[in-house]
Protein backbone atom coordinates (compact mmCIF):
# COMPACT_ATOMS: atom_id res chain seq x y z
CA MET A 1 155.45 156.27 108.20
CA SER A 2 154.04 159.07 110.32
CA ASN A 3 157.39 159.15 112.15
CA SER A 4 159.46 159.62 108.98
CA PRO A 5 161.87 162.50 109.56
CA HIS A 6 161.29 165.88 107.98
CA LEU A 7 164.28 167.94 106.90
CA HIS A 8 164.75 169.57 110.28
CA ASP A 9 164.70 166.22 112.06
CA SER A 10 167.89 164.90 110.41
CA SER A 11 169.76 168.09 109.62
CA ASP A 12 173.27 168.63 110.97
CA SER A 13 172.76 172.39 110.74
CA SER A 14 169.09 173.16 111.17
CA ASP A 15 169.81 176.84 111.80
CA VAL A 16 171.21 177.26 108.27
CA PRO A 17 168.58 178.85 105.97
CA PHE A 18 167.14 176.93 103.04
CA ALA A 19 168.83 178.88 100.23
CA PRO A 20 168.95 177.03 96.88
CA HIS A 21 171.81 177.99 94.59
CA PRO A 22 173.66 176.32 91.66
CA VAL A 23 176.91 174.39 92.23
CA SER A 24 178.92 171.99 90.08
CA ALA A 25 178.59 168.25 90.59
CA ALA A 26 182.30 168.16 91.51
CA GLU A 27 181.53 170.29 94.59
CA VAL A 28 178.87 167.93 95.93
CA ILE A 29 179.77 165.83 98.99
CA PRO A 30 177.82 163.28 101.07
CA GLY A 31 175.13 164.96 103.20
CA ASP A 32 174.32 167.67 100.67
CA LEU A 33 170.66 168.20 99.77
CA ILE A 34 170.42 168.75 96.02
CA ALA A 35 167.97 169.01 93.15
CA LEU A 36 169.19 167.82 89.76
CA THR A 37 167.57 170.66 87.80
CA PRO A 38 166.02 174.07 88.52
CA ASP A 39 162.64 172.59 87.56
CA ASP A 40 163.10 169.86 90.15
CA ALA A 41 163.90 172.49 92.77
CA GLY A 42 160.80 174.43 91.77
CA ARG A 43 158.53 171.42 92.33
CA ALA A 44 160.28 170.43 95.59
CA CYS A 45 162.03 167.30 94.28
CA TRP A 46 165.21 166.97 96.37
CA TYR A 47 167.69 164.19 97.20
CA VAL A 48 170.34 163.66 99.83
CA VAL A 49 173.77 162.69 98.57
CA THR A 50 174.71 159.47 100.39
CA HIS A 51 177.89 158.61 98.42
CA THR A 52 180.10 159.96 95.63
CA LEU A 53 182.57 158.05 93.46
CA PRO A 54 184.66 159.16 90.47
CA GLU A 55 183.38 157.35 87.37
CA THR A 56 185.77 158.78 84.73
CA PRO A 57 188.09 161.77 84.68
CA GLU A 58 185.08 163.79 83.42
CA THR A 59 182.21 162.24 85.40
CA ILE A 60 181.21 161.40 88.95
CA ARG A 61 178.73 158.78 90.20
CA VAL A 62 176.42 160.20 92.85
CA THR A 63 174.16 158.00 95.04
CA LEU A 64 170.96 159.76 96.03
CA ARG A 65 168.18 159.05 98.55
CA PRO A 66 164.94 161.05 99.11
CA PRO A 67 165.28 163.23 102.23
CA LEU A 68 162.26 161.70 103.99
CA GLY A 69 163.34 158.13 103.25
CA GLY A 70 163.14 155.75 100.31
CA THR A 71 165.44 153.76 98.04
CA ASP A 72 168.80 154.81 96.62
CA HIS A 73 169.51 155.43 92.97
CA ASP A 74 172.66 156.48 91.16
CA GLU A 75 173.17 159.37 88.77
CA VAL A 76 176.33 159.75 86.64
CA LEU A 77 176.97 163.48 86.29
CA GLY A 78 179.55 165.48 84.44
CA ARG A 79 181.88 167.18 86.89
CA ASP A 80 180.90 170.54 85.46
CA ARG A 81 177.16 169.71 85.51
CA ARG A 82 175.26 172.38 87.41
CA VAL A 83 172.91 171.11 90.12
CA ILE A 84 170.94 173.02 92.77
CA SER A 85 172.19 172.87 96.33
CA ALA A 86 169.74 173.68 99.12
CA CYS A 87 172.59 174.90 101.30
CA ARG A 88 171.65 172.24 103.82
CA ARG A 89 173.65 169.32 105.25
CA LEU A 90 171.89 166.16 106.48
CA ASN A 91 173.16 163.00 108.10
CA PRO A 92 172.65 160.26 105.48
CA GLY A 93 172.67 157.62 108.19
CA ALA A 94 169.55 159.15 109.79
CA ILE A 95 167.43 158.80 106.63
CA PRO A 96 165.51 155.50 106.61
CA HIS A 97 165.43 153.06 103.75
CA LEU A 98 161.75 152.79 102.76
CA VAL A 99 159.97 150.70 100.13
CA SER A 100 156.32 151.07 99.13
CA ASP A 101 153.91 148.22 99.77
CA ASP A 102 152.99 146.26 96.66
CA LEU A 103 149.33 147.11 96.06
CA THR A 104 149.04 145.27 92.74
CA GLY A 105 147.18 142.30 94.15
CA ALA A 106 146.16 143.72 97.53
CA ALA A 107 142.64 142.85 98.68
CA PHE A 108 141.07 146.11 99.78
CA ARG A 109 138.32 146.12 102.41
CA GLU A 110 136.07 148.75 103.91
CA GLY A 111 137.90 150.56 106.70
CA ASP A 112 141.39 149.96 105.26
CA ARG A 113 143.78 152.91 105.30
CA VAL A 114 146.41 153.90 102.75
CA THR A 115 149.08 156.49 103.50
CA SER A 116 151.21 158.30 100.97
CA LEU A 117 154.30 160.38 101.63
CA ARG A 118 156.05 162.40 98.92
CA VAL A 119 159.51 161.57 100.19
CA VAL A 120 161.42 163.89 97.80
CA ASP A 121 159.79 166.96 99.37
CA PRO A 122 161.53 167.86 102.66
CA GLY A 123 158.43 169.69 103.87
CA ALA A 124 155.86 167.09 102.89
CA ASP A 125 153.27 165.68 105.27
CA GLU A 126 151.94 162.18 105.07
CA VAL A 127 148.40 162.00 103.71
CA SER A 128 145.97 159.28 104.68
CA TYR A 129 142.90 157.91 102.90
CA VAL A 130 140.28 155.57 104.34
CA ARG A 131 138.22 153.21 102.18
CA ARG A 132 134.48 153.56 102.68
CA TRP A 133 131.69 152.60 100.28
CA GLY A 134 134.27 151.36 97.77
CA VAL A 135 136.00 154.74 97.55
CA TRP A 136 139.09 156.13 99.29
CA HIS A 137 138.32 159.34 101.23
CA ARG A 138 140.95 161.87 102.26
CA ASP A 139 138.66 163.15 105.02
CA LEU A 140 135.59 161.24 106.20
CA ASP A 141 134.40 163.99 108.52
CA GLY A 142 135.62 167.22 106.96
CA SER A 143 134.67 169.58 104.18
CA THR A 144 136.94 168.14 101.49
CA ASP A 145 135.44 165.86 98.87
CA GLU A 146 138.81 164.51 97.71
CA VAL A 147 138.45 160.83 96.88
CA ALA A 148 140.31 158.17 94.89
CA SER A 149 139.37 154.88 93.28
CA ASP A 150 141.00 151.50 93.96
CA ALA A 151 142.78 151.71 90.58
CA GLU A 152 144.18 155.15 91.35
CA VAL A 153 145.46 154.04 94.75
CA ARG A 154 147.27 151.06 93.22
CA ASP A 155 149.19 153.47 90.97
CA TRP A 156 150.30 155.87 93.68
CA ALA A 157 153.65 154.24 94.47
CA ASP A 158 156.46 155.68 92.31
CA ALA A 159 160.01 157.02 92.65
CA GLU A 160 158.78 160.09 94.53
CA HIS A 161 156.15 158.54 96.81
CA VAL A 162 156.23 155.83 99.46
CA VAL A 163 152.83 154.21 99.96
CA ARG A 164 151.67 152.00 102.81
CA HIS A 165 148.53 149.82 103.00
CA LEU A 166 147.17 149.46 106.53
CA PRO A 167 144.35 146.88 106.62
CA ARG A 168 141.62 147.62 109.12
CA PRO A 169 141.99 145.73 112.39
CA GLU A 170 139.74 142.76 112.93
CA ARG A 171 136.61 143.82 114.77
CA ALA A 172 136.67 142.86 118.40
CA THR A 173 133.77 140.90 119.82
CA ALA A 174 131.25 143.25 121.39
CA ALA A 175 131.47 143.37 125.14
CA VAL A 176 128.65 141.67 126.99
CA GLY A 177 126.29 144.30 128.36
CA GLY A 178 127.44 146.98 125.90
CA PRO A 179 125.09 149.35 124.06
CA ARG A 180 122.42 147.60 122.02
CA ARG A 181 121.52 148.38 118.42
CA VAL A 182 118.11 150.04 118.07
CA VAL A 183 115.83 149.54 115.06
CA VAL A 184 112.56 151.03 113.81
CA THR A 185 109.81 148.42 113.44
CA GLY A 186 106.61 150.47 113.32
CA LEU A 187 105.36 153.84 112.06
CA GLY A 188 102.24 155.88 112.73
CA ALA A 189 101.15 159.38 111.70
CA VAL A 190 98.25 161.82 111.80
CA THR A 191 99.00 164.85 109.65
CA PRO A 192 97.37 167.54 107.52
CA LEU A 193 97.66 165.07 104.62
CA GLY A 194 95.33 162.67 106.43
CA VAL A 195 95.21 159.91 109.02
CA GLY A 196 97.81 157.20 108.59
CA VAL A 197 101.31 156.71 107.27
CA GLY A 198 99.95 155.73 103.86
CA GLU A 199 98.24 159.10 103.43
CA LEU A 200 101.40 160.89 104.52
CA TRP A 201 103.73 159.02 102.16
CA ARG A 202 101.42 159.28 99.15
CA GLY A 203 100.98 162.99 99.74
CA LEU A 204 104.72 163.54 100.01
CA LEU A 205 105.50 161.69 96.79
CA GLU A 206 102.60 163.28 94.89
CA GLY A 207 103.61 166.78 95.94
CA ARG A 208 100.31 167.57 97.69
CA HIS A 209 99.95 169.84 100.69
CA GLY A 210 97.43 169.86 103.54
CA ILE A 211 97.40 173.57 104.36
CA ARG A 212 93.87 175.02 104.65
CA GLU A 213 91.93 178.19 105.27
CA LEU A 214 90.79 178.54 108.89
CA ASP A 215 87.09 179.31 108.59
CA GLY A 216 86.08 179.30 112.26
CA GLU A 217 84.57 182.47 113.71
CA GLU A 218 87.34 182.70 116.29
CA PHE A 219 89.93 183.16 113.50
CA ALA A 220 88.01 185.80 111.55
CA GLU A 221 89.91 188.84 112.83
CA LEU A 222 93.40 187.33 112.58
CA PRO A 223 95.91 188.72 110.06
CA VAL A 224 96.86 185.14 109.07
CA ARG A 225 94.14 182.52 108.61
CA VAL A 226 95.84 179.48 107.07
CA ALA A 227 97.29 176.45 108.87
CA GLY A 228 98.18 172.81 108.37
CA THR A 229 95.18 171.18 110.02
CA VAL A 230 94.26 167.50 110.23
CA PRO A 231 91.29 167.03 107.85
CA VAL A 232 89.24 164.80 110.17
CA ASP A 233 88.07 165.11 113.76
CA PRO A 234 90.27 162.69 115.73
CA ALA A 235 87.59 162.34 118.40
CA GLU A 236 85.36 160.56 115.88
CA LEU A 237 88.02 157.85 115.42
CA LEU A 238 88.16 157.00 119.14
CA PRO A 239 85.63 155.66 121.65
CA ARG A 240 83.53 158.60 122.79
CA ALA A 241 84.19 158.17 126.50
CA ALA A 242 87.95 157.98 125.98
CA ALA A 243 88.05 160.91 123.56
CA ARG A 244 86.25 163.17 126.06
CA ARG A 245 89.16 162.72 128.47
CA MET A 246 91.85 163.57 125.93
CA ASN A 247 92.92 166.89 124.52
CA ARG A 248 93.31 167.13 120.74
CA ALA A 249 97.08 166.50 120.82
CA ALA A 250 96.58 163.38 122.94
CA GLN A 251 93.95 162.15 120.48
CA PHE A 252 96.46 162.54 117.65
CA ALA A 253 99.10 160.75 119.72
CA VAL A 254 96.87 157.79 120.56
CA LEU A 255 95.83 157.33 116.93
CA ALA A 256 99.43 157.50 115.70
CA ALA A 257 100.63 155.19 118.48
CA ARG A 258 97.93 152.62 117.70
CA GLU A 259 98.93 152.62 114.04
CA ALA A 260 102.64 152.29 114.84
CA TRP A 261 101.90 149.52 117.37
CA GLY A 262 99.98 147.49 114.81
CA ASP A 263 102.48 148.26 112.06
CA ALA A 264 105.20 146.78 114.26
CA GLY A 265 103.28 143.50 114.37
CA PHE A 266 101.86 143.83 117.87
CA VAL A 267 98.28 142.93 118.70
CA ALA A 268 95.64 145.65 118.99
CA GLY A 269 94.80 146.41 122.59
CA GLY A 270 98.28 146.72 124.01
CA THR A 271 101.05 144.94 125.84
CA ARG A 272 99.00 142.21 127.51
CA GLU A 273 97.29 141.15 124.30
CA SER A 274 100.69 141.09 122.57
CA GLY A 275 102.26 138.90 125.22
CA LEU A 276 104.74 141.62 126.23
CA ASP A 277 105.97 142.60 129.66
CA PRO A 278 104.44 146.09 130.10
CA GLU A 279 107.33 147.07 132.37
CA ARG A 280 109.81 146.63 129.49
CA ILE A 281 107.89 148.98 127.16
CA GLY A 282 108.18 152.76 127.29
CA ILE A 283 106.82 155.96 125.77
CA SER A 284 108.76 159.11 124.88
CA LEU A 285 106.76 161.90 123.27
CA GLY A 286 107.69 165.47 122.52
CA THR A 287 105.29 168.39 122.73
CA ILE A 288 105.49 172.11 123.39
CA LEU A 289 102.06 172.87 124.82
CA GLY A 290 99.99 169.90 123.71
CA ASP A 291 96.61 171.56 123.33
CA ALA A 292 96.46 175.19 124.44
CA SER A 293 92.72 175.42 123.76
CA ILE A 294 91.80 173.48 126.92
CA LEU A 295 93.24 176.09 129.27
CA VAL A 296 91.89 178.94 127.16
CA GLY A 297 88.44 177.35 127.17
CA GLY A 298 88.54 176.84 130.94
CA ASP A 299 89.49 180.45 131.47
CA ARG A 300 86.63 181.60 129.23
CA LYS A 301 84.10 179.50 131.18
CA LEU A 302 85.46 180.88 134.45
CA ARG A 303 84.96 184.47 133.31
CA GLU A 304 81.60 183.89 131.66
CA LYS A 305 79.89 181.43 134.03
CA GLY A 306 81.95 181.27 137.19
CA PRO A 307 84.13 178.58 138.84
CA ARG A 308 81.44 175.88 138.94
CA ALA A 309 81.45 175.82 135.12
CA VAL A 310 85.12 174.83 134.90
CA SER A 311 85.55 171.10 134.23
CA PRO A 312 87.63 169.07 136.71
CA LEU A 313 89.39 167.63 133.65
CA THR A 314 90.80 171.05 132.69
CA THR A 315 94.10 170.62 134.52
CA PRO A 316 94.90 166.97 133.56
CA MET A 317 93.92 167.74 129.96
CA THR A 318 96.11 170.88 129.84
CA VAL A 319 99.48 169.50 130.93
CA PRO A 320 101.90 168.70 128.04
CA SER A 321 102.37 165.17 129.39
CA GLN A 322 98.76 164.26 128.59
CA ALA A 323 99.72 162.71 125.24
CA SER A 324 102.22 160.25 126.72
CA SER A 325 99.96 159.40 129.64
CA GLN A 326 97.00 158.68 127.34
CA VAL A 327 99.14 156.40 125.11
CA SER A 328 100.26 154.63 128.28
CA LEU A 329 96.64 154.12 129.35
CA ASP A 330 95.50 153.05 125.89
CA LEU A 331 98.16 150.37 125.36
CA HIS A 332 98.79 149.50 129.04
CA ILE A 333 102.46 150.51 129.01
CA THR A 334 103.99 150.76 132.49
CA GLY A 335 107.73 150.86 131.83
CA GLU A 336 107.84 154.65 131.55
CA ALA A 337 105.91 157.51 129.96
CA ARG A 338 108.28 160.40 129.27
CA THR A 339 107.50 163.86 127.93
CA VAL A 340 110.12 166.08 126.33
CA THR A 341 109.54 169.80 125.90
CA ALA A 342 112.27 171.51 123.84
CA ALA A 343 110.32 173.88 121.59
CA CYS A 344 110.20 172.67 117.98
CA ALA A 345 112.98 170.15 118.64
CA SER A 346 110.78 168.27 121.13
CA GLY A 347 109.78 165.33 118.93
CA THR A 348 113.31 164.63 117.74
CA GLU A 349 114.76 164.90 121.23
CA ALA A 350 112.08 162.52 122.52
CA ILE A 351 113.10 159.94 119.91
CA GLY A 352 116.76 160.36 120.82
CA SER A 353 116.01 159.89 124.50
CA ALA A 354 114.15 156.67 123.73
CA ILE A 355 117.09 155.38 121.67
CA ASP A 356 119.34 155.72 124.70
CA ARG A 357 116.82 154.09 127.03
CA ILE A 358 116.79 151.02 124.78
CA ARG A 359 120.52 151.08 124.05
CA TYR A 360 121.40 150.79 127.70
CA GLY A 361 118.82 148.20 128.65
CA ARG A 362 116.28 150.27 130.58
CA ILE A 363 113.49 149.12 128.23
CA ASP A 364 113.22 146.90 125.16
CA VAL A 365 110.58 148.74 123.10
CA ALA A 366 109.51 152.37 122.95
CA LEU A 367 106.83 154.39 121.23
CA ALA A 368 108.59 157.66 120.46
CA GLY A 369 107.77 160.82 118.54
CA GLY A 370 105.73 163.97 119.00
CA ALA A 371 102.20 165.36 119.11
CA GLU A 372 100.86 168.91 118.99
CA ALA A 373 97.58 170.81 118.54
CA VAL A 374 98.25 174.54 118.77
CA VAL A 375 96.26 175.91 115.86
CA THR A 376 94.41 178.25 118.21
CA PRO A 377 93.58 181.96 117.85
CA ALA A 378 95.98 183.14 120.56
CA ILE A 379 98.91 181.09 119.25
CA MET A 380 98.22 182.18 115.68
CA ALA A 381 97.97 185.82 116.76
CA SER A 382 101.23 185.56 118.68
CA PHE A 383 103.12 184.03 115.75
CA ALA A 384 101.64 186.68 113.44
CA ALA A 385 102.74 189.45 115.82
CA MET A 386 106.27 188.03 115.64
CA ARG A 387 106.02 188.26 111.84
CA ALA A 388 106.99 184.61 111.76
CA LEU A 389 104.01 183.36 109.72
CA SER A 390 103.61 183.37 105.96
CA THR A 391 100.96 185.85 104.87
CA ARG A 392 100.06 183.94 101.69
CA GLY A 393 96.73 182.25 101.19
CA VAL A 394 95.83 178.98 99.51
CA ALA A 395 93.49 180.26 96.80
CA ASP A 396 95.91 179.44 93.97
CA GLY A 397 96.37 175.87 95.15
CA SER A 398 100.08 176.20 95.88
CA SER A 399 101.56 175.83 99.33
CA PRO A 400 102.13 179.10 101.19
CA SER A 401 105.03 177.40 102.97
CA ARG A 402 108.07 177.59 100.70
CA PRO A 403 111.15 176.05 102.36
CA PHE A 404 114.43 177.36 100.89
CA GLY A 405 112.47 179.44 98.35
CA LYS A 406 113.53 182.84 97.11
CA ASP A 407 110.16 184.27 98.10
CA ARG A 408 109.72 182.46 101.43
CA ASP A 409 108.12 184.74 104.00
CA GLY A 410 107.54 182.59 107.08
CA PHE A 411 106.21 179.29 108.35
CA VAL A 412 102.68 177.92 108.42
CA ASN A 413 101.41 176.71 111.79
CA GLY A 414 100.31 173.08 111.88
CA GLU A 415 99.18 170.14 114.00
CA GLY A 416 99.43 166.37 114.10
CA ALA A 417 101.46 163.49 115.49
CA GLY A 418 104.18 161.12 114.36
CA VAL A 419 105.21 158.02 116.30
CA LEU A 420 107.85 155.35 115.72
CA VAL A 421 108.19 151.97 117.40
CA LEU A 422 111.83 151.65 118.45
CA GLU A 423 113.08 148.25 119.49
CA ALA A 424 116.27 146.54 120.57
CA GLU A 425 117.47 144.67 117.49
CA GLU A 426 117.72 141.28 119.20
CA HIS A 427 114.17 141.71 120.49
CA ALA A 428 112.91 142.53 116.98
CA ARG A 429 114.86 139.70 115.32
CA ALA A 430 113.64 137.18 117.86
CA ARG A 431 110.02 137.81 116.92
CA GLY A 432 110.69 138.12 113.18
CA ALA A 433 109.72 141.78 112.95
CA ARG A 434 109.97 143.81 109.75
CA ILE A 435 112.70 146.46 110.17
CA TYR A 436 112.43 149.84 108.43
CA CYS A 437 115.87 151.11 109.41
CA GLU A 438 118.23 151.47 112.33
CA ALA A 439 117.76 154.33 114.80
CA ALA A 440 121.50 154.79 114.83
CA GLY A 441 122.16 157.95 116.81
CA TRP A 442 121.25 161.50 117.71
CA GLY A 443 122.87 164.79 118.62
CA LEU A 444 121.96 167.88 120.61
CA SER A 445 123.34 171.38 120.93
CA ALA A 446 122.24 174.85 122.02
CA ASP A 447 122.77 178.12 120.15
CA ALA A 448 122.93 180.37 123.24
CA HIS A 449 122.13 183.23 120.88
CA HIS A 450 118.55 184.57 121.10
CA MET A 451 115.19 183.63 122.63
CA ALA A 452 113.59 183.23 119.20
CA ALA A 453 116.03 183.86 116.34
CA PRO A 454 118.55 181.20 115.21
CA ASP A 455 122.27 181.84 115.38
CA PRO A 456 122.99 183.01 111.80
CA SER A 457 126.42 181.37 111.88
CA GLY A 458 124.80 177.92 112.10
CA THR A 459 127.57 176.67 114.38
CA GLY A 460 125.13 175.16 116.88
CA VAL A 461 123.26 173.33 114.12
CA ALA A 462 126.52 172.03 112.65
CA LEU A 463 127.57 170.75 116.08
CA ALA A 464 124.31 168.82 116.49
CA VAL A 465 124.69 167.32 113.00
CA ARG A 466 128.26 166.17 113.67
CA ARG A 467 127.28 164.75 117.05
CA ALA A 468 124.43 162.75 115.54
CA VAL A 469 126.72 161.25 112.90
CA ARG A 470 129.36 160.44 115.48
CA ASP A 471 126.79 158.94 117.88
CA ALA A 472 125.68 156.69 115.02
CA GLY A 473 129.24 155.39 114.73
CA GLY A 474 129.49 156.90 111.27
CA HIS A 475 131.22 159.61 109.30
CA VAL A 476 130.01 162.62 107.37
CA ALA A 477 130.88 160.70 104.18
CA ASP A 478 128.15 158.17 105.10
CA VAL A 479 125.28 160.68 104.90
CA VAL A 480 123.16 160.32 101.76
CA HIS A 481 120.09 162.38 102.69
CA VAL A 482 118.92 165.17 105.00
CA ASN A 483 115.31 165.83 105.92
CA ALA A 484 115.75 169.49 106.78
CA HIS A 485 113.98 171.49 109.47
CA ALA A 486 113.52 174.32 106.92
CA THR A 487 110.53 176.24 108.25
CA ALA A 488 110.57 178.72 105.31
CA THR A 489 111.66 181.63 107.47
CA VAL A 490 114.35 183.76 105.84
CA GLU A 491 116.89 183.60 108.68
CA GLY A 492 116.19 180.02 109.77
CA ASP A 493 116.62 178.45 106.35
CA LEU A 494 119.87 180.35 105.75
CA ALA A 495 121.32 179.31 109.12
CA GLU A 496 120.49 175.64 108.53
CA ALA A 497 121.80 175.71 104.97
CA GLY A 498 125.04 177.34 106.10
CA ALA A 499 125.48 174.69 108.76
CA LEU A 500 124.94 171.86 106.29
CA ARG A 501 127.41 173.40 103.83
CA ALA A 502 129.95 173.70 106.65
CA VAL A 503 129.53 170.02 107.53
CA PHE A 504 129.32 168.54 104.02
CA GLY A 505 131.52 170.97 102.10
CA ARG A 506 131.23 170.39 98.37
CA ARG A 507 129.37 167.08 98.71
CA ASN A 508 125.91 167.32 97.13
CA VAL A 509 123.76 165.53 99.68
CA PRO A 510 120.10 165.53 98.56
CA VAL A 511 118.00 167.62 100.94
CA THR A 512 114.23 167.73 101.25
CA ALA A 513 111.90 169.72 103.50
CA ILE A 514 108.33 168.55 104.09
CA LYS A 515 106.93 171.62 105.84
CA GLY A 516 105.73 172.76 102.43
CA HIS A 517 103.41 169.73 102.52
CA LEU A 518 102.33 169.99 106.14
CA GLY A 519 103.17 173.32 107.67
CA HIS A 520 105.20 173.39 110.86
CA LEU A 521 103.80 170.83 113.29
CA GLN A 522 105.72 172.35 116.21
CA GLY A 523 106.52 169.68 118.83
CA ALA A 524 105.15 167.00 116.49
CA ALA A 525 107.38 168.05 113.57
CA GLY A 526 110.33 165.91 114.63
CA GLY A 527 108.16 162.81 115.00
CA VAL A 528 106.46 163.17 111.62
CA GLU A 529 109.71 164.06 109.85
CA ALA A 530 111.43 161.05 111.43
CA VAL A 531 108.61 158.89 110.04
CA ALA A 532 109.21 160.43 106.59
CA THR A 533 112.96 159.86 106.87
CA ALA A 534 112.46 156.21 107.83
CA LEU A 535 110.16 155.78 104.82
CA THR A 536 112.77 157.43 102.58
CA LEU A 537 115.36 154.86 103.67
CA HIS A 538 112.90 151.98 103.46
CA HIS A 539 111.61 152.79 99.97
CA GLY A 540 114.81 154.32 98.61
CA VAL A 541 113.04 157.48 97.41
CA VAL A 542 113.59 161.09 98.53
CA PRO A 543 110.29 163.02 98.36
CA PRO A 544 110.30 166.46 96.73
CA THR A 545 110.11 169.77 98.53
CA VAL A 546 106.71 171.37 97.92
CA GLY A 547 106.39 175.12 97.40
CA VAL A 548 109.58 175.55 95.36
CA GLY A 549 110.82 174.48 91.94
CA ASP A 550 114.43 174.25 90.79
CA ALA A 551 114.37 177.87 89.64
CA ASP A 552 112.73 179.04 92.87
CA VAL A 553 115.39 177.87 95.34
CA ASP A 554 117.24 180.79 96.90
CA ASP A 555 120.74 180.95 95.42
CA ALA A 556 122.12 181.67 98.89
CA ILE A 557 120.99 178.25 100.12
CA GLY A 558 123.67 176.37 98.17
CA LEU A 559 122.22 172.90 98.79
CA ASP A 560 120.99 170.11 96.52
CA VAL A 561 117.30 170.66 97.28
CA VAL A 562 115.06 167.95 95.80
CA THR A 563 112.17 169.62 93.97
CA GLY A 564 109.48 168.71 91.47
CA VAL A 565 109.43 164.93 91.76
CA GLY A 566 110.94 162.36 94.07
CA ARG A 567 114.48 161.17 93.52
CA GLU A 568 116.11 157.79 94.01
CA LEU A 569 118.11 157.70 97.22
CA PRO A 570 121.81 157.68 96.26
CA GLY A 571 124.25 154.95 97.18
CA GLY A 572 127.71 155.45 98.60
CA GLY A 573 126.46 155.79 102.17
CA ASP A 574 123.81 154.62 104.61
CA LEU A 575 122.85 157.48 106.94
CA ALA A 576 119.91 159.87 106.67
CA LEU A 577 119.48 162.81 109.04
CA SER A 578 116.29 164.40 110.34
CA ASN A 579 116.84 167.94 111.66
CA SER A 580 114.76 169.84 114.22
CA PHE A 581 115.54 173.26 115.68
CA GLY A 582 113.46 175.27 118.13
CA PHE A 583 113.00 178.69 119.66
CA GLY A 584 115.65 179.44 122.24
CA GLY A 585 118.34 177.63 120.29
CA HIS A 586 117.31 174.00 120.85
CA ASN A 587 118.99 171.88 118.15
CA ALA A 588 118.32 168.16 117.74
CA VAL A 589 119.35 165.84 114.90
CA LEU A 590 118.38 162.20 114.44
CA ALA A 591 120.56 159.80 112.42
CA LEU A 592 118.83 156.80 110.84
CA ARG A 593 120.70 154.04 108.98
CA ARG A 594 119.29 151.94 106.16
CA VAL A 595 119.44 148.19 106.51
CA GLY A 596 119.40 145.59 103.80
């Protein structure tokens, strides 16, 4: 069908202009391109004369065929009947005889394709629809939302259209040694809503936030004194000797990793106790600084008391890789302990890196996510100097972080950790593990625009979104939810919203942003938001965005932002995206797929 000739392909005089004008039926000869009425000419309904035969002294029988191919039909016309000639001659022998497929009893399957060509229009292009989620989509990866039902497709074939049904090819057997499917089997989190995934999920659904006033003396002179802080001291939840050798971010990471490890069905203590080969287990954690207070504290002791006062643990507790190394020590994981530093996209990029390590057989299981503890005076002062922080307080009980809100005025700094257990599917199935969702794919891009500000065009973000969907083996039409980065900065929220509109077009994909609940957890944000996205798929509920109501969403955002109360996750697709974007133009998007 895609090779059906257009007018210029079969014309005997392609240089002759297309100039419709009335002629009598008696003047028509084989090869002429005609329309039977002016209305037909106006709606591009033309036929090629393939044969003429006198019927009576007053009439002539004309055999007509659509110019792009089809079946013949006869018209008996009075010799004086006026028809419209296109002033074009075509070779009737070059026009194929085409018949539509009978779709009346066709068994449609996901992945089938149907093509339709309006054969009476010399300039028509063949259109193609693909069946996905029980609906026929004109464009699975574009901005159009044009769809058709099975019943509508069955009625497409008529005198003017030739329709073809192209069943999807049988799926080939996967090649031995090819990429493995990766699934999520465990979740762990330490956030401003509390310690544990349960506290996180309840807080998200109940619309609570964990943003607090910073009452320490060291914050007293700062212009902004609110942050999303973890409400308990993590050191009190760990053995004292171990906690003393960890910075605050590493403490968060170990607690979240322990929870995820147990949630996945592994035995407390680590790989040996669980009967696992420690060389086949890995760690991939994202962080920006980890815990800046250690270096600051060491410098203060140096200036106040001299070099002998500086702890020998200052350097190993300062490096960003401390979180992954401490998780490795705690659970005796020797396969690898990776650290990813990509600004606020660190956690998401770390998860993506772990997906690939499992896909291609380097390891079988990974603890992946992010950890951060940068609620320190210097960091807060720096963000405030950039005018990046919200200046609102928490006295009225509402969240000062208002993603996508009309009155958003900046992000709220935060801390915490989020960790997922990623596992090769066959490994998880073999041990009977509970599966939250599939870690289906991820995408990266770079804005190359500014050291701190996002590219307002959103093109880099859109590229990362499309790459994540494609890496997941899916289409834009499969996406049913987005957990947005949405820091509540004016420019950042607009850039992300514009990118999502560019990708999804007029499709209303429900979007939520949880930084209103937590603040911006920096390098840990991607890990915690991935945990929330996995829970959304698992429970089938999209949590609301805190800090904004329906009437408070900026009109310029143009997205279906979930506010007020949670919403049932829609059907018609299986992918959910978790977005993370960082200073310097780092863009990372994770694609998770629901299973069931």
